[in-house]
């Protein structure tokens, strides 16, 4: 495949990916819906991230829990001191409610809003109306102290009737409070927020709805001054948000998230199809169909073949003497200190005679004599070949030899 063809393939793939991404963004992704979950991960008006960040900046240890509550009471370093279950969208299982009850009996503090996924009913209370994000807050409240302006709420708390009380699990029947405090009441006296204390030192704070825990309530008004002291533990400990029942389960890998996006969005499907087309094109380009193409074999000439060709050319041009002069001049230039010494016309024989006397070995002196004969005796192209071989022998004799000891 030529470079031009490869370049066109790359440009085509880049353009297709761009078109698929734009199409996926414009048509594949639905318009964002308002998320009504009271989660510490959400920064929208209905989320609870503002409360989480305020407590973190106040140097309270905070954490988002993304696992079920089956091991809530295990004695570990990460055992929470305060557990916030703020209007979860997934109800708690009976085993989890049993853990919450045991947690309250062993000194833990639980904050449950909008029923808390079954915690309020387990404690004997329930919101008067099911929490709905489409209802306006229309119930006024009585400030717990003068000058504290609090917004209205949507629901109030009421006791669970006896028939529903009998349907509770056995562990919930142990949730008999030793004391009850009304933290916030409506104008008609109905409780909005209750603190139920238990013999083991723990407590459960029930809120009729989760409006006071949303970001919109914490960004203005006096809600932070009223709610924050109710969340801080009596003893130093961890404040934990239950995010598992808000739909934020344990984290998944990046590969799983990417694969889910590829198979569940139009842009992902388009990208998978383009990758498939590219792989097919590469496979087709990589396989050669039919017999192998004939190729011209090119073999490099050996140095002797080059020399014979040069000699033949010089013979045809009557340049044997010129070749011999250039050969001797090249040897003298290689042996000179500067590499620029030139042999004057007719001075080759005197220089060769001096070189013969200067050589220390018989083999080297014999090579110089052969070179002298090639220069002085008549002949044809064989004189050039003999002179070249003699020059090579002289050079080999004058080169420093590498021995094993030297290496």
Foldseek 3Di string as FASTA:
>chain_A
DDPVVVVVVVVVLVVLLVVLVVCQVVPWDDDDDDDQFQDLVDPDQNYQVVVVVVVVVVVAAEEEDQAAQLCQPPPDQQRFQEEEQAPFPAAHDLSNLLSVLVCQLQAHEYEAFQCSSPNQVLLFKHWPDRDDPVDDQDFAKDDPDPPADDDHGNTFMDGDDPVSNVPRDPSSVQNDFPDKDQLIATPVGTGQWMWGHHPNNGIYIYGNHNNLSGPNNVVDGRSCVRVVVVRDGPDRGYYYYHCNSNVRHDDDDPVVVLVCCLVRTSSSVSSVVSVVVVVVVVVVVVDDPDDDDDDDDDDDDDPVVVLVVVLVVCLVVVNLLVLLLVLLQQLVLVPDPVSPDGAPPPRSLVVLVVVLVVQDDPQLNVLSVQSNCLNPPDDGSVSSVSNNVSSVSNVVSPDDDDDPVND
